[in-house]
Protein backbone atom coordinates (compact mmCIF):
# COMPACT_ATOMS: atom_id res chain seq x y z
CA MET A 1 64.13 142.73 136.66
CA ASN A 2 67.89 142.14 136.30
CA LEU A 3 70.40 144.04 138.42
CA HIS A 4 71.64 146.18 135.53
CA ARG A 5 68.14 147.32 134.58
CA ARG A 6 67.15 147.97 138.21
CA THR A 7 70.28 150.05 138.85
CA PHE A 8 69.80 152.01 135.63
CA LEU A 9 66.16 152.84 136.28
CA GLN A 10 66.82 153.68 139.93
CA SER A 11 69.56 156.09 138.84
CA ALA A 12 67.26 157.74 136.32
CA SER A 13 64.48 158.08 138.89
CA LEU A 14 66.94 159.53 141.40
CA ALA A 15 68.12 162.02 138.80
CA ALA A 16 64.51 163.15 138.31
CA THR A 17 63.81 163.61 142.02
CA ALA A 18 63.43 167.23 143.11
CA ALA A 19 65.81 167.25 146.05
CA THR A 20 65.55 170.56 147.89
CA LEU A 21 68.73 172.05 149.32
CA PRO A 22 69.42 175.26 151.22
CA ARG A 23 71.45 177.78 149.23
CA TRP A 24 74.42 177.52 151.58
CA ALA A 25 74.74 173.80 150.81
CA TRP A 26 75.42 174.37 147.14
CA SER A 27 78.82 173.79 145.60
CA LEU A 28 78.42 175.13 142.11
CA GLY A 29 81.81 173.97 140.90
CA PRO A 30 84.50 175.58 138.74
CA ALA A 31 84.14 178.25 136.09
CA LEU A 32 83.35 176.90 132.63
CA GLN A 33 84.72 178.27 129.39
CA HIS A 34 81.61 177.50 127.36
CA ASP A 35 77.83 177.49 127.69
CA PRO A 36 76.77 173.97 128.71
CA PHE A 37 73.08 174.88 128.19
CA ARG A 38 73.31 175.49 124.43
CA LEU A 39 70.34 173.19 123.78
CA GLY A 40 68.06 175.36 125.88
CA VAL A 41 65.52 174.37 128.51
CA ALA A 42 62.06 172.83 128.38
CA SER A 43 59.20 171.66 130.55
CA GLY A 44 56.38 169.20 130.08
CA GLU A 45 53.85 166.76 131.45
CA PRO A 46 51.94 169.32 133.57
CA THR A 47 49.67 168.04 136.33
CA ALA A 48 47.67 169.95 138.90
CA ASP A 49 50.60 169.89 141.34
CA GLY A 50 53.71 169.37 139.25
CA VAL A 51 55.66 169.50 136.01
CA VAL A 52 58.86 168.09 134.48
CA LEU A 53 61.81 170.43 133.91
CA TRP A 54 64.39 169.47 131.27
CA THR A 55 67.79 170.42 129.98
CA ARG A 56 70.76 168.59 128.49
CA ILE A 57 74.38 169.45 129.18
CA LEU A 58 76.43 169.71 126.01
CA PRO A 59 80.25 169.46 126.07
CA ASP A 60 82.43 171.78 124.05
CA ALA A 61 86.16 172.35 123.94
CA GLU A 62 86.69 170.88 127.40
CA PRO A 63 85.09 167.41 127.29
CA ASP A 64 87.09 166.22 130.29
CA ALA A 65 85.14 168.67 132.45
CA LEU A 66 81.89 166.90 131.48
CA GLN A 67 82.86 163.29 132.06
CA GLY A 68 81.03 161.32 134.71
CA PRO A 69 77.78 162.38 136.38
CA LEU A 70 77.32 166.12 136.78
CA THR A 71 75.41 167.85 139.55
CA VAL A 72 73.11 170.44 138.02
CA HIS A 73 71.26 172.91 140.24
CA TRP A 74 67.82 174.27 139.48
CA GLU A 75 65.44 176.92 140.78
CA LEU A 76 61.69 177.44 140.41
CA ALA A 77 60.22 180.84 141.20
CA HIS A 78 57.06 182.89 140.98
CA ASP A 79 58.93 185.66 139.14
CA ALA A 80 61.44 185.86 136.30
CA ALA A 81 63.95 187.66 138.55
CA PHE A 82 63.94 184.66 140.97
CA ARG A 83 63.31 186.83 144.00
CA ARG A 84 60.41 184.63 145.14
CA ILE A 85 61.82 181.14 145.06
CA VAL A 86 59.27 178.31 145.33
CA GLN A 87 61.61 175.32 145.17
CA ARG A 88 65.28 174.72 144.46
CA GLY A 89 67.45 171.65 144.36
CA GLN A 90 69.88 169.59 142.35
CA ALA A 91 69.73 166.75 139.85
CA GLN A 92 72.26 164.41 138.33
CA ALA A 93 73.11 164.52 134.63
CA TRP A 94 74.29 160.99 133.80
CA PRO A 95 76.58 160.17 130.84
CA ALA A 96 74.49 157.05 130.15
CA LEU A 97 71.54 159.37 129.44
CA GLY A 98 73.46 161.88 127.35
CA HIS A 99 73.90 164.22 130.34
CA SER A 100 70.19 164.99 130.15
CA VAL A 101 68.33 166.31 133.20
CA HIS A 102 64.71 165.49 134.01
CA VAL A 103 63.47 167.12 137.23
CA GLU A 104 60.01 166.00 138.33
CA LEU A 105 58.44 168.65 140.55
CA GLN A 106 55.58 168.06 142.96
CA GLY A 107 53.74 170.10 145.57
CA LEU A 108 53.03 173.10 143.33
CA GLN A 109 49.85 175.15 143.22
CA ALA A 110 47.30 174.19 140.59
CA ASP A 111 46.59 176.38 137.56
CA ARG A 112 49.44 178.85 137.82
CA TRP A 113 52.61 179.92 135.98
CA TYR A 114 56.19 179.58 137.24
CA HIS A 115 59.72 180.44 136.06
CA TYR A 116 62.70 178.08 136.19
CA ARG A 117 66.40 177.87 135.36
CA PHE A 118 69.42 175.56 135.70
CA MET A 119 73.00 176.17 136.87
CA LEU A 120 76.28 174.29 136.35
CA GLY A 121 79.49 175.79 137.64
CA ASP A 122 79.19 179.49 136.94
CA ALA A 123 76.93 178.92 133.95
CA VAL A 124 73.23 179.78 134.16
CA SER A 125 70.69 178.59 131.61
CA ALA A 126 68.06 180.64 129.88
CA THR A 127 64.92 181.16 131.95
CA GLY A 128 61.95 179.00 131.09
CA ARG A 129 58.29 179.59 131.84
CA THR A 130 55.98 176.75 132.74
CA ARG A 131 52.66 176.10 134.41
CA THR A 132 50.57 173.54 136.22
CA ALA A 133 47.21 172.22 135.06
CA PRO A 134 43.96 173.15 136.83
CA ALA A 135 42.75 170.91 139.65
CA ASP A 136 40.87 167.83 138.46
CA ALA A 137 37.53 169.07 139.80
CA GLN A 138 37.93 172.57 138.36
CA LEU A 139 36.23 173.71 135.16
CA PRO A 140 38.61 176.39 133.84
CA ALA A 141 37.33 179.12 131.58
CA ALA A 142 39.82 178.46 128.77
CA LEU A 143 42.76 176.47 127.45
CA ARG A 144 44.91 177.64 124.55
CA LEU A 145 46.62 174.73 122.85
CA ALA A 146 49.14 174.82 120.00
CA PHE A 147 49.63 171.61 118.02
CA ALA A 148 52.43 170.96 115.54
CA SER A 149 54.52 168.29 113.86
CA CYS A 150 57.17 167.53 111.23
CA GLN A 151 60.12 169.92 111.32
CA ARG A 152 62.66 168.65 108.80
CA TRP A 153 65.70 170.87 109.26
CA GLU A 154 66.68 171.46 105.65
CA ASP A 155 63.17 171.99 104.25
CA GLY A 156 62.59 175.30 105.97
CA HIS A 157 63.30 177.61 108.88
CA TYR A 158 61.46 177.45 112.19
CA ALA A 159 59.73 180.83 111.93
CA ALA A 160 56.51 179.10 112.97
CA TRP A 161 57.87 178.68 116.50
CA ARG A 162 58.40 182.45 116.84
CA HIS A 163 54.73 182.94 116.13
CA VAL A 164 53.71 180.14 118.51
CA CYS A 165 55.49 182.11 121.24
CA ALA A 166 53.61 185.27 120.26
CA ASP A 167 50.31 183.37 120.39
CA ALA A 168 51.07 182.50 124.05
CA PRO A 169 49.62 178.98 124.40
CA ASP A 170 49.15 177.25 127.73
CA LEU A 171 50.46 174.00 126.26
CA VAL A 172 52.14 172.76 123.08
CA LEU A 173 51.30 169.33 121.68
CA PHE A 174 54.03 168.01 119.42
CA LEU A 175 52.65 165.14 117.36
CA GLY A 176 55.73 163.52 115.87
CA ASP A 177 58.74 163.83 113.53
CA TYR A 178 60.67 166.16 115.81
CA ILE A 179 63.83 165.15 113.94
CA TYR A 180 64.45 163.50 110.57
CA GLU A 181 66.98 160.70 110.33
CA ASN A 182 68.00 161.38 106.73
CA ALA A 183 71.32 162.62 105.41
CA ILE A 184 71.22 165.50 102.92
CA ALA A 185 71.64 164.58 99.26
CA ALA A 186 74.72 165.78 97.40
CA ASP A 187 72.60 168.28 95.48
CA SER A 188 71.26 170.70 98.09
CA THR A 189 69.62 173.05 95.59
CA GLY A 190 66.41 174.53 96.94
CA LEU A 191 67.05 173.73 100.59
CA ALA A 192 66.63 176.36 103.28
CA ARG A 193 69.75 175.19 105.13
CA THR A 194 72.04 172.19 105.23
CA HIS A 195 73.96 169.99 107.65
CA ALA A 196 76.74 167.42 107.29
CA LEU A 197 75.34 164.70 109.56
CA PRO A 198 75.15 161.14 108.20
CA ARG A 199 71.94 159.11 108.16
CA ALA A 200 71.21 158.42 111.83
CA ARG A 201 71.75 154.83 112.93
CA THR A 202 73.58 154.94 116.28
CA LEU A 203 72.86 156.62 119.60
CA ALA A 204 75.61 159.15 118.89
CA ASP A 205 73.99 159.91 115.51
CA TYR A 206 70.57 160.52 117.06
CA ARG A 207 72.02 162.65 119.86
CA ALA A 208 73.77 164.79 117.27
CA ARG A 209 70.53 165.12 115.29
CA TYR A 210 68.62 166.39 118.31
CA ALA A 211 71.46 168.78 119.10
CA LEU A 212 71.18 170.15 115.56
CA HIS A 213 67.43 170.72 115.75
CA LYS A 214 67.57 172.11 119.27
CA SER A 215 70.25 174.62 118.27
CA ASP A 216 67.54 176.65 116.54
CA PRO A 217 66.74 179.73 118.67
CA ALA A 218 63.06 179.87 117.67
CA LEU A 219 62.52 176.25 118.73
CA GLN A 220 64.35 176.90 122.00
CA ALA A 221 62.16 179.91 122.67
CA ALA A 222 58.99 177.87 122.10
CA HIS A 223 60.19 175.20 124.53
CA ALA A 224 60.94 177.88 127.11
CA ALA A 225 57.57 179.60 126.64
CA CYS A 226 55.26 176.94 128.10
CA PRO A 227 55.06 173.21 128.87
CA TRP A 228 55.00 170.67 126.04
CA ALA A 229 53.50 167.19 125.66
CA VAL A 230 55.29 165.16 122.99
CA VAL A 231 54.75 161.94 121.08
CA TRP A 232 56.84 160.41 118.32
CA ASP A 233 56.15 159.22 114.80
CA ASP A 234 58.50 157.40 112.41
CA HIS A 235 61.35 159.81 111.62
CA GLU A 236 62.57 159.80 115.20
CA VAL A 237 63.87 156.36 114.13
CA GLN A 238 63.32 155.48 110.46
CA ASN A 239 60.74 156.31 107.82
CA ASP A 240 57.63 154.10 107.97
CA TYR A 241 58.98 151.65 110.54
CA ALA A 242 56.49 149.42 112.33
CA ALA A 243 57.13 148.07 115.85
CA ASP A 244 60.33 146.02 115.56
CA GLN A 245 60.57 146.04 111.75
CA GLY A 246 62.19 148.49 109.38
CA SER A 247 64.24 148.51 106.21
CA LEU A 248 67.23 146.76 107.85
CA ASP A 249 67.52 143.16 108.99
CA ALA A 250 65.67 142.54 112.26
CA SER A 251 68.57 142.63 114.74
CA ALA A 252 70.22 145.66 113.16
CA PHE A 253 66.93 147.54 113.03
CA VAL A 254 66.01 146.84 116.66
CA ALA A 255 69.40 148.20 117.78
CA GLN A 256 68.83 151.33 115.68
CA ARG A 257 65.26 151.72 116.96
CA ASN A 258 66.33 151.43 120.60
CA ALA A 259 69.01 154.08 120.02
CA GLY A 260 66.42 156.40 118.50
CA TRP A 261 64.04 155.81 121.38
CA GLN A 262 66.74 156.49 123.97
CA ALA A 263 67.70 159.75 122.26
CA PHE A 264 64.02 160.74 122.21
CA TYR A 265 63.77 160.25 125.98
CA GLU A 266 67.04 162.09 126.58
CA ASN A 267 65.89 165.14 124.64
CA MET A 268 62.26 165.46 125.73
CA PRO A 269 60.66 166.60 129.02
CA LEU A 270 59.35 163.12 129.88
CA ARG A 271 58.99 161.40 133.23
CA ALA A 272 61.43 158.68 134.27
CA ALA A 273 58.47 156.31 134.56
CA SER A 274 58.20 156.34 130.76
CA MET A 275 61.39 154.24 130.62
CA LEU A 276 60.33 150.61 130.71
CA SER A 277 63.76 149.07 130.14
CA SER A 278 67.40 150.08 130.47
CA GLU A 279 67.95 148.96 126.87
CA PHE A 280 65.13 151.26 125.70
CA SER A 281 63.42 148.33 124.01
CA SER A 282 60.15 149.86 125.18
CA LEU A 283 59.09 153.38 126.12
CA GLN A 284 55.71 154.37 127.57
CA ILE A 285 54.54 157.13 125.24
CA TYR A 286 50.77 156.72 125.29
CA ARG A 287 49.36 158.49 128.33
CA ARG A 288 46.74 161.00 129.49
CA LEU A 289 46.99 164.64 130.54
CA ARG A 290 44.05 166.24 132.31
CA TRP A 291 43.15 169.94 132.20
CA GLY A 292 40.58 170.03 134.99
CA ARG A 293 37.15 169.07 133.75
CA LEU A 294 37.64 171.11 130.59
CA ALA A 295 39.76 168.61 128.64
CA GLN A 296 41.23 165.16 128.82
CA LEU A 297 44.13 164.63 126.40
CA HIS A 298 44.68 161.03 125.27
CA LEU A 299 48.16 160.94 123.69
CA LEU A 300 48.61 157.90 121.45
CA ASP A 301 51.57 155.90 120.16
CA ASN A 302 51.00 154.87 116.53
CA ARG A 303 54.42 153.25 116.01
CA GLN A 304 55.52 150.95 118.81
CA TYR A 305 52.72 148.37 118.72
CA ARG A 306 51.44 148.38 115.12
CA HIS A 307 51.35 145.50 112.68
CA TRP A 308 53.63 145.62 109.64
CA GLN A 309 52.01 147.58 106.80
CA ALA A 310 49.74 145.49 104.59
CA CYS A 311 51.35 144.03 101.47
CA ARG A 312 54.66 145.78 102.15
CA ARG A 313 57.68 143.72 101.18
CA PRO A 314 60.26 143.14 103.96
CA GLY A 315 63.30 145.38 103.76
CA THR A 316 61.68 148.08 101.63
CA ARG A 317 62.17 151.70 102.71
CA SER A 318 58.61 152.98 102.25
CA ALA A 319 55.16 151.56 102.93
CA GLY A 320 53.64 153.22 99.86
CA ALA A 321 50.07 152.65 98.67
CA VAL A 322 48.15 149.76 97.13
CA GLN A 323 44.95 149.00 95.27
CA SER A 324 42.70 147.58 97.99
CA ALA A 325 41.42 144.85 95.68
CA ASP A 326 45.00 143.63 95.25
CA CYS A 327 45.73 143.55 98.99
CA PRO A 328 43.27 141.37 100.94
CA GLU A 329 45.51 141.73 104.00
CA LEU A 330 44.07 145.23 104.46
CA ALA A 331 40.76 143.72 105.54
CA ASP A 332 42.24 141.46 108.21
CA PRO A 333 40.19 142.29 111.35
CA GLN A 334 43.11 141.42 113.66
CA ARG A 335 45.44 144.11 112.33
CA SER A 336 46.02 147.05 114.65
CA LEU A 337 47.72 150.43 114.50
CA LEU A 338 47.74 150.89 118.29
CA GLY A 339 48.06 147.34 119.57
CA THR A 340 45.45 145.54 121.65
CA ALA A 341 46.54 146.90 125.04
CA GLN A 342 46.51 150.54 123.87
CA GLU A 343 43.15 150.08 122.14
CA HIS A 344 41.65 148.82 125.42
CA TRP A 345 43.33 151.65 127.36
CA LEU A 346 41.83 154.27 125.02
CA ASP A 347 38.41 152.63 125.13
CA ALA A 348 38.46 152.77 128.95
CA GLY A 349 39.54 156.41 128.86
CA LEU A 350 36.71 157.40 126.53
CA ALA A 351 34.26 155.53 128.76
CA ALA A 352 35.50 157.51 131.77
CA ASP A 353 35.22 160.77 129.82
CA ALA A 354 31.58 160.00 129.07
CA GLN A 355 30.61 160.00 132.74
CA ARG A 356 28.34 162.93 133.46
CA GLY A 357 30.23 166.08 134.38
CA HIS A 358 33.65 164.40 134.05
CA THR A 359 35.12 165.82 130.83
CA GLN A 360 33.94 168.60 128.54
CA TRP A 361 36.31 167.85 125.63
CA SER A 362 37.90 164.45 124.92
CA VAL A 363 41.02 165.08 122.84
CA ILE A 364 42.64 162.20 120.95
CA ALA A 365 46.13 163.45 120.08
CA GLN A 366 47.88 161.14 117.64
CA GLN A 367 50.27 161.22 114.73
CA THR A 368 48.41 161.35 111.41
CA LEU A 369 45.11 161.80 109.56
CA PHE A 370 42.40 159.61 111.10
CA SER A 371 39.56 160.10 108.62
CA PRO A 372 39.58 158.10 105.37
CA ARG A 373 41.36 159.64 102.42
CA ARG A 374 40.10 157.79 99.36
CA TYR A 375 42.10 158.63 96.25
CA PRO A 376 40.35 159.06 92.88
CA THR A 377 42.83 156.53 91.46
CA GLY A 378 41.64 153.86 93.89
CA LEU A 379 44.99 153.72 95.66
CA GLN A 380 44.98 153.32 99.42
CA SER A 381 47.80 154.42 101.71
CA THR A 382 49.06 151.65 103.98
CA ASP A 383 51.06 153.56 106.61
CA GLY A 384 48.31 155.64 108.24
CA TRP A 385 44.84 154.76 109.50
CA ASP A 386 43.78 153.95 105.93
CA GLY A 387 46.11 150.97 106.15
CA TYR A 388 44.37 149.70 109.28
CA PRO A 389 40.63 150.04 108.55
CA ALA A 390 39.55 147.48 111.17
CA ALA A 391 41.47 149.36 113.87
CA ARG A 392 39.84 152.63 112.80
CA ALA A 393 36.42 150.97 112.87
CA ARG A 394 37.03 149.76 116.43
CA LEU A 395 37.91 153.28 117.58
CA LEU A 396 34.83 154.71 115.85
CA GLN A 397 32.73 152.09 117.60
CA SER A 398 34.30 153.04 120.93
CA ILE A 399 33.45 156.71 120.41
CA ALA A 400 29.90 155.84 119.36
CA ARG A 401 29.40 153.37 122.22
CA HIS A 402 30.60 155.64 125.00
CA ALA A 403 29.56 158.97 123.44
CA PRO A 404 31.88 161.39 125.25
CA ARG A 405 30.40 164.88 125.46
CA ASN A 406 32.70 166.21 122.70
CA THR A 407 35.45 164.30 120.88
CA VAL A 408 38.17 166.04 118.85
CA LEU A 409 41.02 164.28 117.07
CA LEU A 410 44.31 166.06 116.39
CA GLY A 411 46.98 164.81 113.98
CA GLY A 412 49.94 165.70 111.79
CA ASP A 413 52.37 163.72 109.58
CA ILE A 414 50.87 164.51 106.14
CA HIS A 415 52.28 168.09 105.91
CA GLN A 416 48.84 169.44 104.95
CA ASN A 417 45.94 171.09 106.75
CA TYR A 418 42.85 168.86 106.80
CA VAL A 419 39.58 169.55 108.62
CA CYS A 420 37.12 166.65 108.68
CA GLN A 421 33.84 165.41 110.01
CA VAL A 422 34.62 162.10 111.71
CA GLN A 423 31.79 159.83 110.58
CA GLU A 424 30.62 156.42 111.66
CA ASP A 425 31.31 153.48 109.39
CA THR A 426 28.38 152.70 107.08
CA ALA A 427 27.82 150.22 104.30
CA PRO A 428 28.54 151.57 100.80
CA ASP A 429 24.86 151.19 99.86
CA ALA A 430 23.48 152.91 102.98
CA ARG A 431 20.53 155.15 102.18
CA SER A 432 21.06 157.73 104.91
CA ALA A 433 24.07 159.96 105.50
CA PRO A 434 26.49 158.62 108.10
CA ARG A 435 26.29 160.07 111.59
CA VAL A 436 29.00 162.56 112.58
CA LEU A 437 30.71 161.32 115.74
CA ALA A 438 33.62 163.71 116.23
CA SER A 439 35.73 166.50 114.74
CA GLU A 440 39.22 166.25 113.28
CA PHE A 441 42.00 168.80 112.75
CA CYS A 442 45.10 167.41 111.07
CA GLY A 443 47.78 170.07 110.92
CA THR A 444 50.42 170.96 108.36
CA SER A 445 54.14 170.79 109.12
CA ILE A 446 56.44 173.26 110.83
CA SER A 447 58.84 173.06 107.87
CA SER A 448 58.61 169.72 106.00
CA ARG A 449 57.47 169.87 102.39
CA SER A 450 54.09 168.46 101.42
CA GLY A 451 55.25 166.54 98.35
CA THR A 452 52.02 167.13 96.45
CA THR A 453 50.07 169.85 94.62
CA GLN A 454 46.91 171.67 95.55
CA ALA A 455 45.20 170.36 92.40
CA ARG A 456 45.70 166.79 93.61
CA VAL A 457 44.51 167.70 97.10
CA ASP A 458 41.40 169.35 95.65
CA ALA A 459 40.63 166.17 93.72
CA ILE A 460 40.92 164.13 96.92
CA ALA A 461 38.62 166.52 98.79
CA ARG A 462 35.99 166.25 96.05
CA HIS A 463 36.18 162.47 96.37
CA ASN A 464 35.75 162.57 100.18
CA PRO A 465 32.71 164.64 101.24
CA HIS A 466 33.62 164.37 104.95
CA VAL A 467 36.72 166.49 104.19
CA LEU A 468 35.66 170.08 104.79
CA PHE A 469 39.01 171.74 104.15
CA ALA A 470 42.31 170.57 102.63
CA ARG A 471 45.34 172.71 101.77
CA CYS A 472 48.94 171.70 101.15
CA GLU A 473 50.88 174.80 100.09
CA GLN A 474 51.88 176.39 103.40
CA ARG A 475 53.71 175.38 106.55
CA GLY A 476 52.63 176.27 110.08
CA TYR A 477 50.73 174.97 113.11
CA GLY A 478 47.30 174.76 114.66
CA LEU A 479 46.02 176.91 117.50
CA ALA A 480 43.03 175.65 119.50
CA ASP A 481 41.14 177.95 121.87
CA ILE A 482 38.99 175.76 124.10
CA THR A 483 36.22 176.94 126.40
CA PRO A 484 33.39 174.95 128.02
CA GLY A 485 31.02 176.02 125.26
CA ARG A 486 33.17 176.12 122.14
CA TRP A 487 36.33 174.80 120.49
CA THR A 488 37.96 177.17 117.96
CA THR A 489 40.83 176.01 115.73
CA SER A 490 42.87 178.58 113.82
CA LEU A 491 45.11 177.18 111.09
CA ARG A 492 48.18 179.40 111.28
CA VAL A 493 50.41 179.42 108.19
CA LEU A 494 53.69 181.08 107.26
CA ASP A 495 54.09 183.44 104.34
CA ASP A 496 57.32 181.65 103.40
CA ALA A 497 58.90 178.78 105.35
CA MET A 498 62.21 179.47 103.56
CA ASP A 499 62.40 182.82 105.35
CA ALA A 500 63.50 182.75 109.00
CA ASP A 501 61.70 186.09 109.49
CA SER A 502 58.48 185.03 107.77
CA GLY A 503 55.18 186.53 108.77
CA VAL A 504 52.15 184.44 109.66
CA SER A 505 48.43 184.55 108.93
CA THR A 506 45.31 182.53 109.65
CA GLN A 507 44.50 180.33 106.66
CA ALA A 508 41.12 179.25 108.03
CA ARG A 509 39.20 179.10 111.29
CA PHE A 510 36.68 176.45 112.36
CA VAL A 511 34.56 176.03 115.47
CA VAL A 512 32.98 173.07 117.20
CA GLU A 513 30.04 173.89 119.43
CA ASP A 514 29.55 172.06 122.71
CA GLY A 515 27.37 169.00 122.19
CA ARG A 516 27.40 169.24 118.39
CA ALA A 517 29.92 167.02 116.59
CA GLY A 518 31.63 168.32 113.47
CA PRO A 519 33.52 171.54 112.66
CA VAL A 520 31.92 174.51 110.96
CA VAL A 521 33.57 177.56 109.41
CA ALA A 522 33.94 180.35 111.94
């Protein structure tokens, strides 16, 4: 490790350390003329004894006051009035990390809620609410989990996040496309709202894009309501990119990708250990979160380690779709969506879940639709799991070989609600129906448009009998209520994503019974 990288990572780790100070030792600094906490607060990565607290200091009319590292104070309490303080301390907000703050707390009680806030000068942030996970040996009675993805700013308002807050989840899983890198076209007809930001390419561009999205009060409220666990997809960098390749030449794209990855870290409640290099040429996004013995969440990274999409020409902006007969590369058994190391890591995790009494529900949280989506036209998408059939077959074999007690896959990306039976691979001429190995819920978007019609989706569903439900018209999120004996998913959809005050309803509800793979209508 070179000296620059070591110093950078040590500084980031120091900034995340929860240093406890007595109140009398604080020097809060001068009065500020603006709110430095305009991007809100957040928490994430809950364990049985800790959590990450996040904020990012934003300059305003007095940028000189925010140059250099800033000392930000924080408090954690049992109550929202902060009369019963649990821990307090300070953290450094470094310019090299966009003045972001990541406080990694330890020593907390398992399975309980806390309140937190930040202070800089005389400014005090909004109060956030967070919680720890149950102890590893505990079997909690319930977990309420919201899962969501794809929130393109101009396509709609974030009314869905208001309703997530009202649904009071224990944890939010965000499955990718938190921002979109695109500029808005000259003709903005039909958009819910606009912005003047250019297509994101530099670190400053990506920081500005996160600041735009995080300015939304409904999104801020959802971050402050409970801890989040986040993964990325492609639009945090560039549409349909794969590992170190995109639509630019290699060196230009890698610089853009690293800028996007750094901005992602700066704006998410992630641990400092996720940074694997000071240049942000690698970021550890795949990881596990445990919720006692009730659930093990395997969060995957579908972008960083994948092979280039099959039969995609270099430099093109979109992966598109192909006729499988015209693209023999699709069948290459070496091609991977996750990369070899992550495939082995997931296989080992599923094997551990299958140990008797270890894990009630094995949750594979990833970016897109896992089950096959065969089009009546014969076209095959190349960007999702359909473009990596050998990799999907290996994961299916892992699930079948280890047989965790219950396996549920969660996804997003396609801006549609899909509910599927996850079936084992069988030969086309097999005489018996394929065995159901797991359940899948792929959620619609928070705001991004679907780009298709329900008639086309219906035709796809008829062509794919493992698809139990498929709808594209409405935006929203998924809500999973998990108990030892049953998993219940409610597909929550907005009346109108163009309306910031939109109401919400349940489009459909499915259950998975303990020990019985496959969703059924509730």
